[in-house]
Amino acid sequence: DGFRFDLAASHDRETIEYITERAQEVNPNVYLIAEPWGGAGLTGAHDFIDIGWAKWDDGIRNAIRSENRPTGEGQNFALGNADNASQLQQYWEGDQQGEPYQYVGYIESHDDATFGDNLRIQSGYYSFLDEDGEINRIEDIAEYQELPEDLIRANKVGAGALFLSQGPIMLHLGQEWARGKVMPDLEGEVPEVTDQGQIGAASDNVVYRTPSPNTYMADNEVNWINFDHVELNRDLLEYYKGLIELRKEQPLLGRGGPETVETMTTGNPNALGADIDGEIYGFVNSDPHESASFQIPAGTYSVVVDGESAGTEELYEMEGGQIEVEPASTLILLPK
């Protein structure tokens, strides 16, 4: 059994402890997950870990995407312009208070901009204002949803960085095809609101035909899932499917910890590697222009993930020693 508590910080520690005791009477292995913010802040994030709950870990989210509600071009790890790969180390190592299973990693949820919209906005692919300073309304949603190759690769890099973290991970429906949340034209149904804060960041705005930052209570096309859009970025969907299959087959991906994971840095600040108990070697290089060099033990390895494909089957062989991780790519190797 498992239970998620929204805005769990609204409850004081005594209440959290009582919930834990009663739930464990029914099932000693119950899995309790907190959204460890919001409300009155009566219980801190570390209190949940101390009591034995898990929590949604916004740390790795922030390390990979930087902004929850970007309003313009910016820097983030997935785009390879933030020089912050070292921020991923604690999440790849599972080296935090408590145990790795208590940290649910994610880069997209029902709150805030989707990861796909985040990259569209921070890369400059989409701007909320046009050249004349007017609202840049999206006329063709399918055209907006279909990503150029560089943003497909950035999405794959973000996924690779998440899947190499220790502990469970959460995926938001549509993340695997870079779904965007575009507010439809609701003229005659819901009044347009554009003056309640910065467009792209303020929850109280309702701006037709633009990416929306917070749609938790909207019952219209912005939240409905259009499965026809899956085909627009099918390659990204297949990549996610491969990563899921690999994580299920290799328990050390997610179920290791500080005693099994040794991270590796390099001269490229947008790249990081991990030696997972000598059984898995994983690397992510988000730099879109420069490769990254790493040193691994000599021998022959099966490449199961690279910048194009992911899965459990060998894509090709690679020899150990000094290896090069290509720009904007993930590389996962299994010793033969």
Protein backbone atom coordinates (compact mmCIF):
# COMPACT_ATOMS: atom_id res chain seq x y z
CA ASP A 1 0.00 0.00 0.00
CA GLY A 2 1.11 3.56 -0.64
CA PHE A 3 -0.35 6.98 0.02
CA ARG A 4 0.55 10.45 -1.23
CA PHE A 5 -0.23 13.46 0.97
CA ASP A 6 -0.66 16.75 -0.87
CA LEU A 7 0.59 19.83 1.00
CA ALA A 8 1.71 17.52 3.80
CA ALA A 9 3.55 20.33 5.58
CA SER A 10 0.10 21.60 6.60
CA HIS A 11 0.07 18.88 9.27
CA ASP A 12 2.15 19.13 12.43
CA ARG A 13 4.71 16.49 13.33
CA GLU A 14 2.46 14.88 15.96
CA THR A 15 -0.21 14.28 13.32
CA ILE A 16 2.32 12.87 10.87
CA GLU A 17 3.63 10.47 13.51
CA TYR A 18 0.07 9.39 14.35
CA ILE A 19 -0.72 8.71 10.67
CA THR A 20 2.46 6.65 10.44
CA GLU A 21 1.66 4.54 13.48
CA ARG A 22 -1.91 3.78 12.39
CA ALA A 23 -0.93 2.98 8.79
CA GLN A 24 1.87 0.64 9.93
CA GLU A 25 -0.58 -1.23 12.15
CA VAL A 26 -2.39 -2.23 8.95
CA ASN A 27 0.71 -2.74 6.80
CA PRO A 28 4.20 -2.47 8.33
CA ASN A 29 5.61 -1.88 4.83
CA VAL A 30 3.26 0.96 3.93
CA TYR A 31 4.89 3.63 1.73
CA LEU A 32 3.95 7.19 2.72
CA ILE A 33 4.97 10.06 0.46
CA ALA A 34 4.80 13.73 1.37
CA GLU A 35 4.56 16.79 -0.77
CA PRO A 36 6.82 18.45 1.82
CA TRP A 37 5.83 22.08 1.31
CA GLY A 38 2.81 24.34 1.23
CA GLY A 39 0.23 24.99 3.89
CA ALA A 40 1.45 26.44 7.15
CA GLY A 41 4.82 24.73 7.06
CA LEU A 42 4.13 22.98 10.37
CA THR A 43 6.33 20.02 9.44
CA GLY A 44 9.69 20.47 7.71
CA ALA A 45 10.98 18.35 4.83
CA HIS A 46 13.60 16.72 7.03
CA ASP A 47 10.96 15.81 9.63
CA PHE A 48 9.26 13.56 7.10
CA ILE A 49 12.51 11.73 6.38
CA ASP A 50 13.22 11.39 10.10
CA ILE A 51 9.77 9.87 10.72
CA GLY A 52 10.27 7.41 7.86
CA TRP A 53 8.20 8.94 5.09
CA ALA A 54 9.37 9.54 1.55
CA LYS A 55 9.12 12.95 -0.10
CA TRP A 56 9.05 14.48 -3.53
CA ASP A 57 12.59 15.68 -4.11
CA ASP A 58 12.60 19.07 -5.78
CA GLY A 59 16.40 19.19 -5.50
CA ILE A 60 17.09 17.09 -8.58
CA ARG A 61 14.23 18.84 -10.38
CA ASN A 62 15.88 22.20 -9.77
CA ALA A 63 19.33 20.90 -10.73
CA ILE A 64 18.08 19.68 -14.12
CA ARG A 65 15.52 22.31 -15.16
CA SER A 66 16.37 25.30 -12.89
CA GLU A 67 13.10 27.22 -13.36
CA ASN A 68 9.62 25.93 -12.54
CA ARG A 69 7.89 28.73 -14.43
CA PRO A 70 10.35 30.26 -16.85
CA THR A 71 9.31 33.50 -18.55
CA GLY A 72 12.19 33.82 -20.99
CA GLU A 73 15.53 32.43 -22.10
CA GLY A 74 17.65 31.00 -19.33
CA GLN A 75 20.16 28.42 -18.20
CA ASN A 76 19.54 24.85 -17.16
CA PHE A 77 21.44 21.60 -17.11
CA ALA A 78 19.46 19.89 -19.87
CA LEU A 79 20.26 22.70 -22.32
CA GLY A 80 23.95 22.42 -21.46
CA ASN A 81 24.47 26.07 -20.62
CA ALA A 82 24.39 26.04 -16.80
CA ASP A 83 27.82 24.51 -15.94
CA ASN A 84 26.15 22.75 -12.99
CA ALA A 85 26.58 19.00 -13.49
CA SER A 86 28.17 18.78 -10.03
CA GLN A 87 24.76 19.55 -8.51
CA LEU A 88 23.59 16.11 -9.62
CA GLN A 89 26.17 14.23 -7.57
CA GLN A 90 24.23 13.86 -4.33
CA TYR A 91 21.18 12.57 -6.20
CA TRP A 92 23.15 10.07 -8.28
CA GLU A 93 24.93 8.87 -5.15
CA GLY A 94 21.80 8.80 -3.00
CA ASP A 95 23.83 10.63 -0.38
CA GLN A 96 21.18 12.49 1.60
CA GLN A 97 19.52 12.25 5.00
CA GLY A 98 17.75 8.90 5.37
CA GLU A 99 17.65 6.28 2.64
CA PRO A 100 17.46 6.68 -1.17
CA TYR A 101 13.94 5.19 -1.29
CA GLN A 102 12.74 8.22 0.71
CA TYR A 103 13.48 10.61 -2.16
CA VAL A 104 11.17 10.56 -5.18
CA GLY A 105 13.03 12.24 -8.01
CA TYR A 106 11.17 14.04 -10.78
CA ILE A 107 11.54 16.84 -13.31
CA GLU A 108 7.87 17.41 -14.14
CA SER A 109 4.59 17.26 -12.23
CA HIS A 110 1.03 18.57 -12.52
CA ASP A 111 2.26 21.84 -11.01
CA ASP A 112 4.15 24.49 -12.98
CA ALA A 113 5.35 24.35 -16.58
CA THR A 114 5.96 20.96 -18.17
CA PHE A 115 9.56 19.99 -18.82
CA GLY A 116 8.86 20.29 -22.54
CA ASP A 117 7.56 23.85 -22.13
CA ASN A 118 10.46 24.66 -19.82
CA LEU A 119 12.94 23.80 -22.58
CA ARG A 120 10.93 25.52 -25.29
CA ILE A 121 10.92 28.76 -23.27
CA GLN A 122 14.43 28.70 -21.78
CA SER A 123 15.98 27.83 -25.15
CA GLY A 124 14.21 30.73 -26.87
CA TYR A 125 12.24 28.36 -29.12
CA TYR A 126 9.13 30.09 -27.76
CA SER A 127 8.76 33.62 -26.38
CA PHE A 128 5.70 34.94 -24.56
CA LEU A 129 5.99 38.26 -26.40
CA ASP A 130 6.54 38.82 -30.10
CA GLU A 131 8.84 41.40 -31.68
CA ASP A 132 6.21 44.09 -31.21
CA GLY A 133 5.80 43.34 -27.51
CA GLU A 134 2.40 41.73 -28.02
CA ILE A 135 1.36 38.37 -26.62
CA ASN A 136 2.79 35.64 -28.82
CA ARG A 137 -0.24 33.43 -29.33
CA ILE A 138 0.27 29.89 -30.59
CA GLU A 139 -1.89 29.36 -33.66
CA ASP A 140 -0.90 25.78 -34.49
CA ILE A 141 -0.63 23.71 -31.31
CA ALA A 142 0.67 20.62 -33.12
CA GLU A 143 3.43 22.66 -34.70
CA TYR A 144 4.33 24.02 -31.27
CA GLN A 145 4.34 20.54 -29.72
CA GLU A 146 6.70 19.04 -32.32
CA LEU A 147 10.26 19.66 -31.16
CA PRO A 148 13.35 20.42 -33.22
CA GLU A 149 16.20 17.94 -32.91
CA ASP A 150 18.23 19.99 -30.44
CA LEU A 151 15.35 20.09 -27.95
CA ILE A 152 14.68 16.36 -28.42
CA ARG A 153 18.30 15.77 -27.40
CA ALA A 154 17.97 18.13 -24.44
CA ASN A 155 14.86 16.24 -23.31
CA LYS A 156 16.75 12.96 -23.56
CA VAL A 157 19.62 14.40 -21.52
CA GLY A 158 17.21 15.50 -18.80
CA ALA A 159 15.67 12.02 -18.77
CA GLY A 160 19.09 10.39 -18.57
CA ALA A 161 20.10 12.56 -15.62
CA LEU A 162 16.87 11.64 -13.81
CA PHE A 163 17.06 7.89 -14.50
CA LEU A 164 20.64 7.72 -13.19
CA SER A 165 19.54 9.04 -9.80
CA GLN A 166 19.12 6.78 -6.78
CA GLY A 167 15.68 6.24 -5.29
CA PRO A 168 12.30 5.98 -7.05
CA ILE A 169 11.36 8.42 -9.79
CA MET A 170 8.05 9.90 -10.88
CA LEU A 171 7.03 10.59 -14.47
CA HIS A 172 4.19 12.94 -15.38
CA LEU A 173 1.91 11.76 -18.16
CA GLY A 174 3.03 13.42 -21.39
CA GLN A 175 6.56 14.10 -20.19
CA GLU A 176 7.72 11.22 -22.39
CA TRP A 177 6.64 13.07 -25.53
CA ALA A 178 7.41 16.61 -24.31
CA ARG A 179 3.77 17.58 -23.95
CA GLY A 180 3.15 21.30 -23.69
CA LYS A 181 0.29 22.84 -21.69
CA VAL A 182 -1.19 25.44 -24.03
CA MET A 183 -4.24 27.32 -22.74
CA PRO A 184 -6.96 27.11 -25.41
CA ASP A 185 -8.95 30.08 -26.67
CA LEU A 186 -11.77 30.26 -24.10
CA GLU A 187 -13.46 33.39 -25.36
CA GLY A 188 -17.10 33.36 -24.29
CA GLU A 189 -16.41 30.74 -21.61
CA VAL A 190 -13.65 32.06 -19.33
CA PRO A 191 -12.51 35.70 -19.45
CA GLU A 192 -8.91 36.28 -20.43
CA VAL A 193 -6.75 37.68 -17.60
CA THR A 194 -3.32 39.13 -18.38
CA ASP A 195 -2.67 41.64 -15.58
CA GLN A 196 -2.23 39.46 -12.47
CA GLY A 197 1.54 39.21 -12.70
CA GLN A 198 4.14 38.25 -15.24
CA ILE A 199 2.78 36.15 -18.09
CA GLY A 200 4.23 32.67 -17.83
CA ALA A 201 4.71 32.85 -14.07
CA ALA A 202 1.50 34.09 -12.42
CA SER A 203 -1.11 31.45 -11.58
CA ASP A 204 -4.00 33.92 -11.70
CA ASN A 205 -3.51 34.84 -15.35
CA VAL A 206 -5.53 33.08 -18.04
CA VAL A 207 -3.78 33.85 -21.31
CA TYR A 208 -5.28 32.28 -24.41
CA ARG A 209 -2.98 30.31 -26.71
CA THR A 210 0.14 30.49 -24.53
CA PRO A 211 1.93 27.90 -22.34
CA SER A 212 0.33 27.91 -18.91
CA PRO A 213 2.39 27.65 -15.70
CA ASN A 214 -0.27 26.24 -13.39
CA THR A 215 -3.33 24.38 -14.65
CA TYR A 216 -4.26 22.20 -11.69
CA MET A 217 -7.99 23.00 -11.79
CA ALA A 218 -8.58 23.63 -15.51
CA ASP A 219 -11.04 21.21 -17.12
CA ASN A 220 -10.31 21.91 -20.76
CA GLU A 221 -7.78 21.13 -23.50
CA VAL A 222 -4.85 22.50 -21.49
CA ASN A 223 -5.11 19.45 -19.20
CA TRP A 224 -6.75 16.93 -21.48
CA ILE A 225 -4.28 14.48 -23.00
CA ASN A 226 -4.21 14.52 -26.81
CA PHE A 227 -2.67 11.16 -27.69
CA ASP A 228 -2.42 12.18 -31.34
CA HIS A 229 0.47 14.38 -30.25
CA VAL A 230 2.46 11.33 -29.18
CA GLU A 231 3.50 10.78 -32.79
CA LEU A 232 4.97 14.27 -33.04
CA ASN A 233 7.86 13.28 -30.78
CA ARG A 234 7.70 9.48 -31.06
CA ASP A 235 11.49 9.15 -30.87
CA LEU A 236 11.49 10.71 -27.39
CA LEU A 237 8.70 8.38 -26.24
CA GLU A 238 10.69 5.34 -27.38
CA TYR A 239 13.73 6.65 -25.52
CA TYR A 240 11.74 6.91 -22.29
CA LYS A 241 10.36 3.40 -22.81
CA GLY A 242 13.90 2.09 -23.15
CA LEU A 243 15.08 3.85 -20.00
CA ILE A 244 12.11 2.43 -18.06
CA GLU A 245 12.89 -1.11 -19.25
CA LEU A 246 16.55 -0.72 -18.31
CA ARG A 247 15.79 0.64 -14.84
CA LYS A 248 13.43 -2.28 -14.18
CA GLU A 249 16.05 -4.80 -15.33
CA GLN A 250 18.99 -3.26 -13.44
CA PRO A 251 18.14 -2.92 -9.71
CA LEU A 252 21.26 -0.85 -9.04
CA LEU A 253 19.63 1.93 -11.05
CA GLY A 254 17.62 3.44 -8.24
CA ARG A 255 18.25 0.88 -5.49
CA GLY A 256 21.90 1.51 -4.82
CA GLY A 257 23.29 4.17 -2.52
CA PRO A 258 26.46 5.93 -1.39
CA GLU A 259 28.18 2.61 -0.76
CA THR A 260 27.68 1.46 -4.36
CA VAL A 261 27.96 4.67 -6.39
CA GLU A 262 31.06 6.69 -7.14
CA THR A 263 30.54 9.76 -9.29
CA MET A 264 33.13 10.96 -11.78
CA THR A 265 33.77 14.54 -12.80
CA THR A 266 35.63 15.80 -15.84
CA GLY A 267 36.85 19.06 -17.28
CA ASN A 268 33.47 19.72 -18.84
CA PRO A 269 31.19 21.32 -16.18
CA ASN A 270 28.10 20.08 -18.01
CA ALA A 271 29.04 16.39 -17.74
CA LEU A 272 29.00 13.80 -14.97
CA GLY A 273 29.67 10.08 -14.74
CA ALA A 274 28.91 7.32 -12.26
CA ASP A 275 30.49 3.95 -11.49
CA ILE A 276 27.65 1.93 -9.96
CA ASP A 277 29.29 -0.96 -8.11
CA GLY A 278 31.39 -1.82 -11.16
CA GLU A 279 28.22 -3.21 -12.79
CA ILE A 280 26.92 -0.11 -14.56
CA TYR A 281 28.74 2.94 -15.88
CA GLY A 282 26.48 5.90 -16.60
CA PHE A 283 27.31 9.29 -18.08
CA VAL A 284 25.43 12.40 -19.10
CA ASN A 285 26.92 15.25 -21.10
CA SER A 286 24.47 18.08 -21.69
CA ASP A 287 26.99 20.34 -23.45
CA PRO A 288 25.57 20.75 -26.99
CA HIS A 289 28.97 21.51 -28.51
CA GLU A 290 31.79 19.72 -26.63
CA SER A 291 32.32 16.05 -25.82
CA ALA A 292 33.40 14.93 -22.34
CA SER A 293 36.25 12.51 -21.52
CA PHE A 294 36.10 9.92 -18.74
CA GLN A 295 38.34 7.06 -17.63
CA ILE A 296 36.85 3.62 -16.92
CA PRO A 297 38.47 0.21 -16.35
CA ALA A 298 39.84 -1.61 -19.38
CA GLY A 299 37.60 -4.19 -20.95
CA THR A 300 34.72 -4.55 -23.36
CA TYR A 301 31.35 -2.99 -22.61
CA SER A 302 27.85 -3.22 -24.03
CA VAL A 303 26.36 0.16 -24.84
CA VAL A 304 22.65 0.04 -23.94
CA VAL A 305 21.96 3.79 -23.93
CA ASP A 306 23.45 6.53 -26.07
CA GLY A 307 22.29 9.88 -27.39
CA GLU A 308 19.85 8.29 -29.83
CA SER A 309 18.49 5.07 -28.32
CA ALA A 310 17.86 3.43 -24.95
CA GLY A 311 16.89 -0.03 -23.77
CA THR A 312 18.14 -3.35 -22.47
CA GLU A 313 19.65 -4.72 -25.68
CA GLU A 314 23.21 -4.04 -26.76
CA LEU A 315 23.43 -1.24 -29.32
CA TYR A 316 27.13 -1.80 -29.96
CA GLU A 317 30.36 -2.55 -28.11
CA MET A 318 32.79 -0.04 -26.63
CA GLU A 319 36.27 -0.56 -25.26
CA GLY A 320 37.20 0.78 -21.83
CA GLY A 321 40.03 3.10 -20.88
CA GLN A 322 39.46 6.68 -21.92
CA ILE A 323 36.02 7.15 -23.41
CA GLU A 324 34.30 10.11 -25.00
CA VAL A 325 30.70 11.05 -24.26
CA GLU A 326 29.28 12.89 -27.23
CA PRO A 327 27.67 16.33 -26.93
CA ALA A 328 24.07 16.41 -25.68
CA SER A 329 23.90 12.71 -24.88
CA THR A 330 23.56 10.03 -22.24
CA LEU A 331 25.80 6.93 -22.28
CA ILE A 332 25.19 3.81 -20.19
CA LEU A 333 27.58 0.86 -20.35
CA LEU A 334 27.40 -2.67 -18.96
CA PRO A 335 30.63 -4.70 -18.60
CA LYS A 336 30.64 -7.84 -20.78
